[in-house]
């Protein structure tokens, strides 16, 4: 890990590696804000967004439109 504030992020990355946790798990973790470690949650969020297929996007859009 090479970053400007790597000391803030290394413990969480190490824990994830030891526990075998992936980006999905890290994304669900509640992080104190604001910290440099917030980038870890954002990476997890980006990963989850990449898994969203066009079909699922349409279903969510219809559901949200119905809820309005």
C-alpha atoms as a PDB file:
ATOM      1  CA  UNK A   1       0.000   0.000   0.000  1.00  0.00           C
ATOM      2  CA  UNK A   2       1.517   3.267  -1.124  1.00  0.00           C
ATOM      3  CA  UNK A   3      -0.484   6.365  -0.317  1.00  0.00           C
ATOM      4  CA  UNK A   4      -0.108   9.728   1.330  1.00  0.00           C
ATOM      5  CA  UNK A   5      -1.865   8.545   4.512  1.00  0.00           C
ATOM      6  CA  UNK A   6      -1.121   4.823   4.259  1.00  0.00           C
ATOM      7  CA  UNK A   7      -0.935   4.515   8.044  1.00  0.00           C
ATOM      8  CA  UNK A   8      -4.674   5.168   8.293  1.00  0.00           C
ATOM      9  CA  UNK A   9      -5.522   2.465   5.763  1.00  0.00           C
ATOM     10  CA  UNK A  10      -3.050  -0.340   6.415  1.00  0.00           C
ATOM     11  CA  UNK A  11      -4.789  -1.813   9.471  1.00  0.00           C
ATOM     12  CA  UNK A  12      -8.103  -2.232   7.668  1.00  0.00           C
ATOM     13  CA  UNK A  13      -6.450  -3.719   4.578  1.00  0.00           C
ATOM     14  CA  UNK A  14      -4.446  -6.112   6.765  1.00  0.00           C
ATOM     15  CA  UNK A  15      -7.563  -7.218   8.629  1.00  0.00           C
ATOM     16  CA  UNK A  16      -9.391  -7.830   5.354  1.00  0.00           C
ATOM     17  CA  UNK A  17      -6.504  -9.923   4.024  1.00  0.00           C
ATOM     18  CA  UNK A  18      -6.233 -12.017   7.199  1.00  0.00           C
ATOM     19  CA  UNK A  19     -10.008 -12.525   7.417  1.00  0.00           C
ATOM     20  CA  UNK A  20     -10.354 -13.235   3.699  1.00  0.00           C
ATOM     21  CA  UNK A  21     -12.804 -10.355   3.348  1.00  0.00           C
ATOM     22  CA  UNK A  22     -13.325  -8.825  -0.076  1.00  0.00           C
ATOM     23  CA  UNK A  23     -14.345  -5.408  -1.316  1.00  0.00           C
ATOM     24  CA  UNK A  24     -18.022  -6.284  -0.846  1.00  0.00           C
ATOM     25  CA  UNK A  25     -17.466  -6.771   2.895  1.00  0.00           C
ATOM     26  CA  UNK A  26     -15.324  -3.647   3.185  1.00  0.00           C
ATOM     27  CA  UNK A  27     -18.016  -1.660   1.423  1.00  0.00           C
ATOM     28  CA  UNK A  28     -20.559  -2.681   4.070  1.00  0.00           C
ATOM     29  CA  UNK A  29     -18.265  -1.658   6.927  1.00  0.00           C
ATOM     30  CA  UNK A  30     -19.156   1.558   8.725  1.00  0.00           C
ATOM     31  CA  UNK A  31     -16.154   3.870   8.564  1.00  0.00           C
ATOM     32  CA  UNK A  32     -15.551   6.955  10.694  1.00  0.00           C
ATOM     33  CA  UNK A  33     -15.715  10.090   8.597  1.00  0.00           C
ATOM     34  CA  UNK A  34     -13.771  11.997   7.393  1.00  0.00           C
ATOM     35  CA  UNK A  35     -10.605   9.934   7.092  1.00  0.00           C
ATOM     36  CA  UNK A  36      -8.268   8.863   4.362  1.00  0.00           C
ATOM     37  CA  UNK A  37      -9.536   5.294   4.915  1.00  0.00           C
ATOM     38  CA  UNK A  38     -12.801   6.403   3.281  1.00  0.00           C
ATOM     39  CA  UNK A  39     -11.123   5.512  -0.019  1.00  0.00           C
ATOM     40  CA  UNK A  40     -11.481   1.826   0.947  1.00  0.00           C
ATOM     41  CA  UNK A  41     -15.257   2.135   1.205  1.00  0.00           C
ATOM     42  CA  UNK A  42     -15.341   4.009  -2.078  1.00  0.00           C
ATOM     43  CA  UNK A  43     -13.378   1.196  -3.750  1.00  0.00           C
ATOM     44  CA  UNK A  44     -15.920  -1.287  -2.424  1.00  0.00           C
ATOM     45  CA  UNK A  45     -18.788   0.857  -3.667  1.00  0.00           C
ATOM     46  CA  UNK A  46     -17.205   1.102  -7.111  1.00  0.00           C
ATOM     47  CA  UNK A  47     -16.853  -2.673  -7.195  1.00  0.00           C
ATOM     48  CA  UNK A  48     -20.509  -3.186  -6.282  1.00  0.00           C
ATOM     49  CA  UNK A  49     -21.634  -0.667  -8.927  1.00  0.00           C
ATOM     50  CA  UNK A  50     -19.641  -2.559 -11.552  1.00  0.00           C
ATOM     51  CA  UNK A  51     -21.692  -5.677 -10.796  1.00  0.00           C
ATOM     52  CA  UNK A  52     -24.948  -3.890 -11.618  1.00  0.00           C
ATOM     53  CA  UNK A  53     -26.166  -5.237 -14.960  1.00  0.00           C
ATOM     54  CA  UNK A  54     -28.365  -3.202 -17.334  1.00  0.00           C
ATOM     55  CA  UNK A  55     -31.335  -5.455 -16.497  1.00  0.00           C
ATOM     56  CA  UNK A  56     -30.938  -4.894 -12.767  1.00  0.00           C
ATOM     57  CA  UNK A  57     -30.552  -1.144 -13.349  1.00  0.00           C
ATOM     58  CA  UNK A  58     -33.875  -1.099 -15.225  1.00  0.00           C
ATOM     59  CA  UNK A  59     -35.596  -3.051 -12.455  1.00  0.00           C
ATOM     60  CA  UNK A  60     -34.268  -0.644  -9.811  1.00  0.00           C
ATOM     61  CA  UNK A  61     -35.330   2.360 -11.885  1.00  0.00           C
ATOM     62  CA  UNK A  62     -38.865   0.984 -12.245  1.00  0.00           C
ATOM     63  CA  UNK A  63     -39.045   0.153  -8.548  1.00  0.00           C
ATOM     64  CA  UNK A  64     -37.840   3.607  -7.508  1.00  0.00           C
ATOM     65  CA  UNK A  65     -40.227   5.294  -9.955  1.00  0.00           C
ATOM     66  CA  UNK A  66     -43.085   3.246  -8.500  1.00  0.00           C
ATOM     67  CA  UNK A  67     -42.098   4.273  -4.953  1.00  0.00           C
ATOM     68  CA  UNK A  68     -42.234   8.003  -5.784  1.00  0.00           C
END
